[in-house]
């Protein structure tokens, strides 16, 4: 397994997450055509990576700390020109129209259309600035899918392979530069990209996360990058036997456990003793400490003497728990007017107690709705949320509020 390089201390799980998560588009349900938009100086040790893959005690990592190969399904054998003094990049040949994805999360600081002088010859291209002063360049695209100023996320599609600019045949010209600034990106020093983005198995996640029921390859499901990001950042774990069970419905106990991890409190309340008035917060369970935390900070209010940790969580309940987390833990105002639901065709189905929180989640772009075949856009408030949906929502939540 290759060591994944990580920038230590630039942000925490409590402040940002990655894969990454996004404030571009996103919602709950994949099968209905959900749209989501999707983190290097110290080495992440094998022990730390193992923790990040499955342990709730994993060190907090920003998803913007991780790098990946920019052409899913295309291997290193497609490198047609290496990095050398006369060529500050690698060229990777692929058929026109092959998807190009962000090798790392960041901000688009330039395209050929916005900076023609500095990018002369790059053709249709994208330059992404990363918060530690590194940049990634993607040149000669046949189509560009993002614009200057866009926030992009690990694995998000940036465009398609092409042959534009000073190019002789379809390929991706890929650069990494260091010691740059967003305003003067072109002064960054070119370095060899290979140590950052290669050495991975292209059939699975490029960052070491693998589940037999999640396709991380060229035909990845919509939720694959979100699962990867949620697991790498220590927010979620697998279900055992190399399974993630993306379609399984998530329970209240699981949600509160994930929120406790997001708050960085999973080590402080895990004593196995029920310290709440909830009779069903059974001692010694995986959720016991998380429910202690949730009650203590006001995220879990319960129903009388019950918190019902094994009950499935509906989408409006999940939005409410997320909103309470934002308010109680992060100090973010997390209610919004019902008018934010105006674009949802089933807005009238949202329960009165949940309207403000669901509206806030939509306003914050944590939820955008499920696009149906008939053109309608639905919240589906009473539907049960899945583990795959939870992975996407928690990553986006932490990215939005911490």
Protein backbone atom coordinates (compact mmCIF):
# COMPACT_ATOMS: atom_id res chain seq x y z
CA UNK A 1 0.00 0.00 0.00
CA UNK A 2 1.35 3.44 -0.88
CA UNK A 3 1.66 6.10 1.80
CA UNK A 4 -0.82 8.86 1.13
CA UNK A 5 0.66 12.29 1.67
CA UNK A 6 -1.22 14.56 4.02
CA UNK A 7 -0.82 18.13 5.17
CA UNK A 8 -0.95 18.06 8.95
CA UNK A 9 -2.68 20.74 10.97
CA UNK A 10 -4.09 22.92 8.22
CA UNK A 11 -7.62 22.00 9.12
CA UNK A 12 -9.49 19.49 11.24
CA UNK A 13 -12.49 17.26 10.87
CA UNK A 14 -14.27 19.79 13.01
CA UNK A 15 -13.51 22.57 10.53
CA UNK A 16 -13.49 20.92 7.11
CA UNK A 17 -13.94 17.52 5.69
CA UNK A 18 -13.57 16.71 1.72
CA UNK A 19 -14.03 14.32 -0.32
CA UNK A 20 -14.16 16.92 0.23
CA UNK A 21 -17.59 17.69 0.35
CA UNK A 22 -19.26 20.34 -1.53
CA UNK A 23 -21.29 23.51 -1.67
CA UNK A 24 -22.05 23.17 -5.33
CA UNK A 25 -24.94 20.71 -5.56
CA UNK A 26 -26.24 17.69 -3.71
CA UNK A 27 -29.07 15.86 -2.05
CA UNK A 28 -30.26 12.60 -0.62
CA UNK A 29 -31.15 9.97 -3.18
CA UNK A 30 -28.85 8.46 -5.76
CA UNK A 31 -31.34 6.24 -7.57
CA UNK A 32 -33.35 9.30 -8.45
CA UNK A 33 -30.46 11.02 -10.18
CA UNK A 34 -28.99 12.94 -7.25
CA UNK A 35 -26.41 15.57 -8.08
CA UNK A 36 -23.47 15.97 -5.74
CA UNK A 37 -20.26 17.88 -6.23
CA UNK A 38 -17.44 16.44 -4.38
CA UNK A 39 -7.85 16.63 0.72
CA UNK A 40 0.97 17.24 1.75
CA UNK A 41 3.89 17.57 3.55
CA UNK A 42 3.98 14.87 6.27
CA UNK A 43 3.42 11.24 5.43
CA UNK A 44 0.35 9.47 6.69
CA UNK A 45 1.66 6.32 8.34
CA UNK A 46 0.25 2.86 7.73
CA UNK A 47 -1.19 2.93 11.27
CA UNK A 48 -2.87 6.30 10.72
CA UNK A 49 -4.24 5.19 7.36
CA UNK A 50 -5.62 2.01 8.92
CA UNK A 51 -7.36 4.14 11.55
CA UNK A 52 -8.75 6.43 8.89
CA UNK A 53 -10.09 3.46 6.97
CA UNK A 54 -12.20 2.14 9.78
CA UNK A 55 -11.60 3.43 13.27
CA UNK A 56 -13.68 6.03 15.05
CA UNK A 57 -10.48 7.19 16.72
CA UNK A 58 -8.94 8.14 13.37
CA UNK A 59 -7.05 11.39 13.23
CA UNK A 60 -9.04 14.24 11.72
CA UNK A 61 -8.15 14.77 8.07
CA UNK A 62 -9.35 17.33 5.62
CA UNK A 63 -10.42 15.66 2.42
CA UNK A 64 -8.52 18.37 0.62
CA UNK A 65 -5.35 16.73 1.95
CA UNK A 66 -5.59 13.73 -0.33
CA UNK A 67 -4.40 13.33 -3.92
CA UNK A 68 -5.63 10.90 -6.55
CA UNK A 69 -4.96 9.95 -10.16
CA UNK A 70 -6.80 12.38 -12.51
CA UNK A 71 -8.01 9.84 -15.10
CA UNK A 72 -10.14 7.10 -13.49
CA UNK A 73 -9.65 3.77 -15.21
CA UNK A 74 -6.53 4.91 -17.09
CA UNK A 75 -3.25 3.52 -15.74
CA UNK A 76 0.35 4.69 -15.57
CA UNK A 77 1.07 2.70 -18.74
CA UNK A 78 -0.71 5.54 -20.59
CA UNK A 79 1.96 8.10 -19.68
CA UNK A 80 3.27 9.25 -23.05
CA UNK A 81 5.77 11.85 -21.77
CA UNK A 82 7.42 11.99 -18.37
CA UNK A 83 8.39 14.95 -16.23
CA UNK A 84 11.83 16.35 -17.10
CA UNK A 85 13.60 19.73 -17.22
CA UNK A 86 12.08 20.55 -20.59
CA UNK A 87 8.59 19.27 -19.76
CA UNK A 88 7.28 20.26 -16.34
CA UNK A 89 4.36 17.83 -16.37
CA UNK A 90 3.30 14.35 -17.32
CA UNK A 91 1.24 13.65 -20.43
CA UNK A 92 -1.32 10.86 -20.18
CA UNK A 93 -2.89 9.69 -23.40
CA UNK A 94 -6.56 8.73 -23.47
CA UNK A 95 -9.40 8.83 -25.95
CA UNK A 96 -11.15 12.13 -26.57
CA UNK A 97 -14.03 12.48 -24.13
CA UNK A 98 -12.40 10.51 -21.30
CA UNK A 99 -13.44 12.14 -17.98
CA UNK A 100 -10.80 14.17 -16.12
CA UNK A 101 -11.32 14.50 -12.36
CA UNK A 102 -9.82 16.76 -9.72
CA UNK A 103 -6.69 15.14 -8.31
CA UNK A 104 -7.30 17.16 -5.15
CA UNK A 105 -9.87 19.59 -3.78
CA UNK A 106 -9.40 23.33 -4.17
CA UNK A 107 -10.46 26.50 -5.96
CA UNK A 108 -10.37 27.03 -9.73
CA UNK A 109 -8.11 30.08 -10.10
CA UNK A 110 -7.78 30.17 -13.87
CA UNK A 111 -8.83 28.73 -17.20
CA UNK A 112 -7.47 29.57 -20.61
CA UNK A 113 -10.50 31.80 -21.16
CA UNK A 114 -9.74 33.84 -18.03
CA UNK A 115 -5.92 33.93 -18.22
CA UNK A 116 -4.93 33.55 -21.90
CA UNK A 117 -1.44 35.05 -21.54
CA UNK A 118 -0.30 32.89 -18.62
CA UNK A 119 -1.88 29.78 -20.12
CA UNK A 120 -0.91 30.25 -23.74
CA UNK A 121 -0.84 26.87 -25.44
CA UNK A 122 -2.73 25.03 -22.71
CA UNK A 123 -5.93 25.01 -24.73
CA UNK A 124 -9.13 24.36 -22.84
CA UNK A 125 -7.77 23.96 -19.32
CA UNK A 126 -8.32 24.27 -15.58
CA UNK A 127 -5.93 25.39 -12.83
CA UNK A 128 -6.89 24.39 -9.27
CA UNK A 129 -5.26 26.10 -6.29
CA UNK A 130 -4.92 24.09 -3.06
CA UNK A 131 -4.76 25.66 0.35
CA UNK A 132 -1.14 24.75 1.09
CA UNK A 133 0.14 26.61 -1.98
CA UNK A 134 0.19 23.67 -4.38
CA UNK A 135 -1.69 23.74 -7.67
CA UNK A 136 -2.81 21.19 -10.22
CA UNK A 137 -3.10 21.93 -13.95
CA UNK A 138 -5.29 20.05 -16.43
CA UNK A 139 -4.69 21.03 -20.06
CA UNK A 140 -5.84 20.36 -23.64
CA UNK A 141 -9.41 19.45 -22.67
CA UNK A 142 -12.07 18.97 -25.31
CA UNK A 143 -14.61 20.30 -22.81
CA UNK A 144 -14.31 22.17 -19.52
CA UNK A 145 -17.01 21.62 -16.88
CA UNK A 146 -15.97 24.16 -14.23
CA UNK A 147 -15.23 27.88 -14.19
CA UNK A 148 -12.90 30.30 -12.46
CA UNK A 149 -13.95 30.75 -8.82
CA UNK A 150 -15.62 27.34 -8.51
CA UNK A 151 -14.90 25.20 -5.44
CA UNK A 152 -14.04 21.71 -6.67
CA UNK A 153 -13.66 18.50 -4.73
CA UNK A 154 -11.54 15.38 -4.79
CA UNK A 155 -12.75 13.24 -7.71
CA UNK A 156 -15.11 15.87 -9.16
CA UNK A 157 -15.22 15.89 -12.95
CA UNK A 158 -13.44 18.94 -14.37
CA UNK A 159 -13.80 18.22 -18.07
CA UNK A 160 -12.96 15.77 -20.85
CA UNK A 161 -9.72 14.72 -22.54
CA UNK A 162 -9.06 16.49 -25.81
CA UNK A 163 -6.49 17.95 -28.18
CA UNK A 164 -6.85 21.73 -27.83
CA UNK A 165 -4.04 24.29 -27.64
CA UNK A 166 -0.47 23.27 -28.45
CA UNK A 167 -1.23 19.59 -28.53
CA UNK A 168 -0.52 16.71 -30.90
CA UNK A 169 -3.07 14.03 -30.16
CA UNK A 170 -5.64 13.44 -27.44
CA UNK A 171 -4.11 13.49 -23.96
CA UNK A 172 -4.14 15.14 -20.55
CA UNK A 173 -1.23 17.44 -19.73
CA UNK A 174 -1.09 17.26 -15.92
CA UNK A 175 1.10 19.49 -13.75
CA UNK A 176 1.61 20.06 -10.06
CA UNK A 177 3.24 23.33 -8.92
CA UNK A 178 4.30 24.41 -5.45
CA UNK A 179 4.83 27.72 -3.63
CA UNK A 180 2.10 29.48 -5.57
CA UNK A 181 -0.55 32.03 -4.65
CA UNK A 182 -4.13 32.23 -5.96
CA UNK A 183 -3.50 35.58 -7.68
CA UNK A 184 -0.11 34.67 -9.17
CA UNK A 185 -0.62 30.98 -9.76
CA UNK A 186 1.69 30.93 -12.77
CA UNK A 187 4.79 31.60 -10.60
CA UNK A 188 4.52 28.21 -8.91
CA UNK A 189 7.48 25.85 -9.29
CA UNK A 190 6.76 22.77 -11.40
CA UNK A 191 7.48 19.44 -9.69
CA UNK A 192 7.11 15.80 -10.70
CA UNK A 193 3.43 14.84 -10.14
CA UNK A 194 4.03 11.07 -10.01
CA UNK A 195 4.90 10.75 -6.29
CA UNK A 196 1.62 12.47 -5.47
CA UNK A 197 -0.86 10.66 -7.67
CA UNK A 198 0.50 7.22 -8.64
CA UNK A 199 1.14 3.86 -7.07
CA UNK A 200 -2.54 3.01 -6.63
CA UNK A 201 -4.73 0.13 -7.73
CA UNK A 202 -7.03 1.59 -10.36
CA UNK A 203 -9.73 -0.98 -9.64
CA UNK A 204 -10.35 0.44 -6.17
CA UNK A 205 -10.10 3.70 -4.30
CA UNK A 206 -6.89 5.58 -4.93
CA UNK A 207 -6.57 6.45 -1.25
CA UNK A 208 -6.64 2.99 0.26
CA UNK A 209 -10.35 2.58 1.07
CA UNK A 210 -11.88 -0.59 -0.37
CA UNK A 211 -15.28 -2.24 -0.04
CA UNK A 212 -16.47 -5.09 -2.24
CA UNK A 213 -19.91 -3.49 -2.59
CA UNK A 214 -18.63 -0.05 -3.67
CA UNK A 215 -17.12 0.44 -7.14
CA UNK A 216 -14.30 3.00 -6.93
CA UNK A 217 -13.13 2.40 -10.50
CA UNK A 218 -14.04 3.81 -13.89
CA UNK A 219 -17.69 2.82 -13.42
CA UNK A 220 -17.95 4.14 -9.88
CA UNK A 221 -21.37 4.68 -8.35
CA UNK A 222 -22.39 8.24 -7.50
CA UNK A 223 -21.66 7.66 -3.83
CA UNK A 224 -18.14 6.14 -4.17
CA UNK A 225 -16.22 9.41 -3.62
CA UNK A 226 -18.46 10.31 -0.67
CA UNK A 227 -17.96 6.92 0.96
CA UNK A 228 -14.23 7.27 0.43
CA UNK A 229 -14.15 10.73 1.94
CA UNK A 230 -16.37 9.86 4.90
CA UNK A 231 -14.23 6.83 5.75
CA UNK A 232 -10.86 8.51 5.18
CA UNK A 233 -11.83 11.34 7.50
CA UNK A 234 -12.92 8.91 10.22
CA UNK A 235 -16.58 9.89 10.10
CA UNK A 236 -17.92 6.50 9.02
CA UNK A 237 -16.76 2.89 9.07
CA UNK A 238 -17.42 -0.22 7.05
CA UNK A 239 -20.01 -2.78 8.04
CA UNK A 240 -17.53 -5.66 8.30
CA UNK A 241 -16.43 -8.34 5.82
CA UNK A 242 -15.16 -5.61 3.43
CA UNK A 243 -18.70 -4.28 3.03
CA UNK A 244 -20.00 -0.75 3.35
CA UNK A 245 -23.67 -1.62 2.69
CA UNK A 246 -24.42 1.66 0.90
CA UNK A 247 -28.10 0.89 0.38
CA UNK A 248 -28.80 -0.09 3.98
CA UNK A 249 -30.98 2.37 5.89
CA UNK A 250 -29.27 4.29 8.63
CA UNK A 251 -30.45 4.34 12.24
CA UNK A 252 -30.61 7.15 14.77
CA UNK A 253 -27.82 5.59 16.82
CA UNK A 254 -25.58 5.47 13.77
CA UNK A 255 -26.34 9.09 12.85
CA UNK A 256 -25.57 10.32 16.37
CA UNK A 257 -22.34 8.31 16.39
CA UNK A 258 -21.27 9.94 13.11
CA UNK A 259 -22.14 13.42 14.37
CA UNK A 260 -20.18 12.73 17.56
CA UNK A 261 -17.15 11.87 15.43
CA UNK A 262 -17.65 15.03 13.37
CA UNK A 263 -17.52 17.01 16.60
CA UNK A 264 -14.28 15.26 17.57
CA UNK A 265 -15.95 14.04 20.77
CA UNK A 266 -15.97 10.30 20.17
CA UNK A 267 -13.15 9.77 22.68
CA UNK A 268 -14.66 11.91 25.42
CA UNK A 269 -18.00 10.18 25.94
CA UNK A 270 -17.19 6.57 25.17
CA UNK A 271 -17.26 5.21 28.73
CA UNK A 272 -19.98 2.68 27.99
CA UNK A 273 -22.29 3.97 30.76
CA UNK A 274 -25.64 5.62 30.05
CA UNK A 275 -25.45 9.17 31.36
CA UNK A 276 -28.80 10.30 29.92
CA UNK A 277 -32.45 9.96 30.93
CA UNK A 278 -33.01 7.68 27.93
CA UNK A 279 -33.73 4.17 29.17
CA UNK A 280 -32.93 2.69 25.75
CA UNK A 281 -29.39 4.12 25.62
CA UNK A 282 -28.11 0.73 26.64
CA UNK A 283 -24.70 0.54 28.36
CA UNK A 284 -21.77 -0.83 26.41
CA UNK A 285 -23.22 -0.34 22.93
CA UNK A 286 -21.44 1.31 20.02
CA UNK A 287 -23.79 4.28 20.34
CA UNK A 288 -23.76 4.71 24.14
CA UNK A 289 -21.07 7.37 24.34
CA UNK A 290 -22.37 9.17 21.24
CA UNK A 291 -25.85 9.46 22.72
CA UNK A 292 -24.33 10.72 25.97
CA UNK A 293 -22.60 13.41 23.91
CA UNK A 294 -25.69 14.20 21.82
CA UNK A 295 -27.83 14.64 24.93
CA UNK A 296 -25.19 16.73 26.68
CA UNK A 297 -24.86 19.23 23.80
CA UNK A 298 -28.55 19.25 22.86
CA UNK A 299 -28.44 17.39 19.56
CA UNK A 300 -30.57 14.49 20.89
CA UNK A 301 -33.77 15.52 22.58
CA UNK A 302 -35.41 12.12 22.61
CA UNK A 303 -39.06 11.27 23.10
CA UNK A 304 -39.66 11.18 26.84
CA UNK A 305 -37.41 8.48 28.25
CA UNK A 306 -36.52 7.01 24.84
CA UNK A 307 -34.07 8.04 22.13
CA UNK A 308 -34.80 4.99 19.92
CA UNK A 309 -31.25 4.34 18.66
CA UNK A 310 -32.33 1.43 16.46
CA UNK A 311 -35.08 3.32 14.64
CA UNK A 312 -34.54 4.21 11.00
CA UNK A 313 -34.06 7.92 10.31
CA UNK A 314 -36.18 9.75 7.77
CA UNK A 315 -34.71 12.48 5.60
CA UNK A 316 -36.48 15.24 7.48
CA UNK A 317 -35.27 13.77 10.79
CA UNK A 318 -31.74 13.62 9.43
CA UNK A 319 -31.96 17.25 8.29
CA UNK A 320 -33.12 18.17 11.79
CA UNK A 321 -30.27 16.32 13.51
CA UNK A 322 -27.77 17.90 11.13
CA UNK A 323 -29.25 21.34 11.82
CA UNK A 324 -29.07 20.80 15.59
CA UNK A 325 -25.43 19.78 15.20
CA UNK A 326 -24.74 22.99 13.25
CA UNK A 327 -26.44 25.11 15.89
CA UNK A 328 -25.46 23.40 19.14
CA UNK A 329 -21.91 22.39 18.24
CA UNK A 330 -20.81 24.91 15.62
CA UNK A 331 -22.89 27.91 16.64
CA UNK A 332 -24.39 28.25 13.15
CA UNK A 333 -27.92 29.59 12.77
CA UNK A 334 -29.63 26.58 11.21
CA UNK A 335 -33.21 27.51 10.43
CA UNK A 336 -34.45 29.13 7.25
CA UNK A 337 -37.81 30.36 5.97
CA UNK A 338 -40.18 27.93 4.29
CA UNK A 339 -39.68 29.88 1.06
CA UNK A 340 -36.40 27.96 0.63
CA UNK A 341 -38.58 24.90 -0.08
CA UNK A 342 -40.30 26.63 -2.99
CA UNK A 343 -38.38 24.63 -5.59
CA UNK A 344 -39.40 21.28 -4.11
CA UNK A 345 -42.55 19.74 -5.55
CA UNK A 346 -43.33 17.90 -2.32
CA UNK A 347 -42.61 20.81 0.02
CA UNK A 348 -46.07 20.50 1.54
CA UNK A 349 -45.16 17.00 2.77
CA UNK A 350 -42.43 18.27 5.11
CA UNK A 351 -43.65 18.08 8.72
CA UNK A 352 -44.22 21.43 10.40
CA UNK A 353 -41.60 20.71 13.08
CA UNK A 354 -38.97 20.06 10.40
CA UNK A 355 -39.69 22.85 7.90
CA UNK A 356 -37.14 25.35 9.22
CA UNK A 357 -34.32 22.81 9.40
CA UNK A 358 -35.02 21.20 6.04
CA UNK A 359 -35.21 24.67 4.51
CA UNK A 360 -31.84 25.54 6.07
CA UNK A 361 -30.23 22.36 4.72
CA UNK A 362 -31.48 23.28 1.25
CA UNK A 363 -30.34 26.88 1.64
CA UNK A 364 -26.87 25.65 2.69
CA UNK A 365 -26.73 23.32 -0.34
CA UNK A 366 -26.41 20.31 1.93
CA UNK A 367 -29.65 19.11 0.31
CA UNK A 368 -30.91 20.00 -3.15
CA UNK A 369 -33.53 17.36 -3.75
CA UNK A 370 -34.08 14.26 -5.82
CA UNK A 371 -34.55 14.83 -9.56
CA UNK A 372 -37.29 12.52 -10.80
CA UNK A 373 -37.83 11.17 -14.32
CA UNK A 374 -40.93 13.34 -14.73
CA UNK A 375 -38.90 16.49 -14.09
CA UNK A 376 -40.05 17.02 -10.52
CA UNK A 377 -37.66 17.82 -7.68
CA UNK A 378 -38.47 16.11 -4.38
CA UNK A 379 -37.29 16.25 -0.79
CA UNK A 380 -38.96 12.93 0.06
CA UNK A 381 -39.06 13.95 3.73
CA UNK A 382 -40.61 10.75 5.07
CA UNK A 383 -38.29 8.39 3.17
CA UNK A 384 -35.56 6.63 5.12
CA UNK A 385 -31.98 7.80 4.49
CA UNK A 386 -29.36 5.26 3.40
CA UNK A 387 -25.74 4.87 4.48
CA UNK A 388 -24.60 6.12 1.08
CA UNK A 389 -26.75 9.22 1.47
CA UNK A 390 -25.41 9.73 4.98
CA UNK A 391 -21.83 9.60 3.68
CA UNK A 392 -22.56 12.39 1.24
CA UNK A 393 -24.54 14.51 3.67
CA UNK A 394 -22.08 14.32 6.57
CA UNK A 395 -19.14 15.21 4.33
CA UNK A 396 -21.02 18.19 2.93
CA UNK A 397 -22.17 19.22 6.41
CA UNK A 398 -18.69 19.23 7.90
CA UNK A 399 -17.40 21.12 4.89
CA UNK A 400 -20.17 23.70 5.30
CA UNK A 401 -20.17 24.26 9.07
CA UNK A 402 -17.24 22.34 10.55
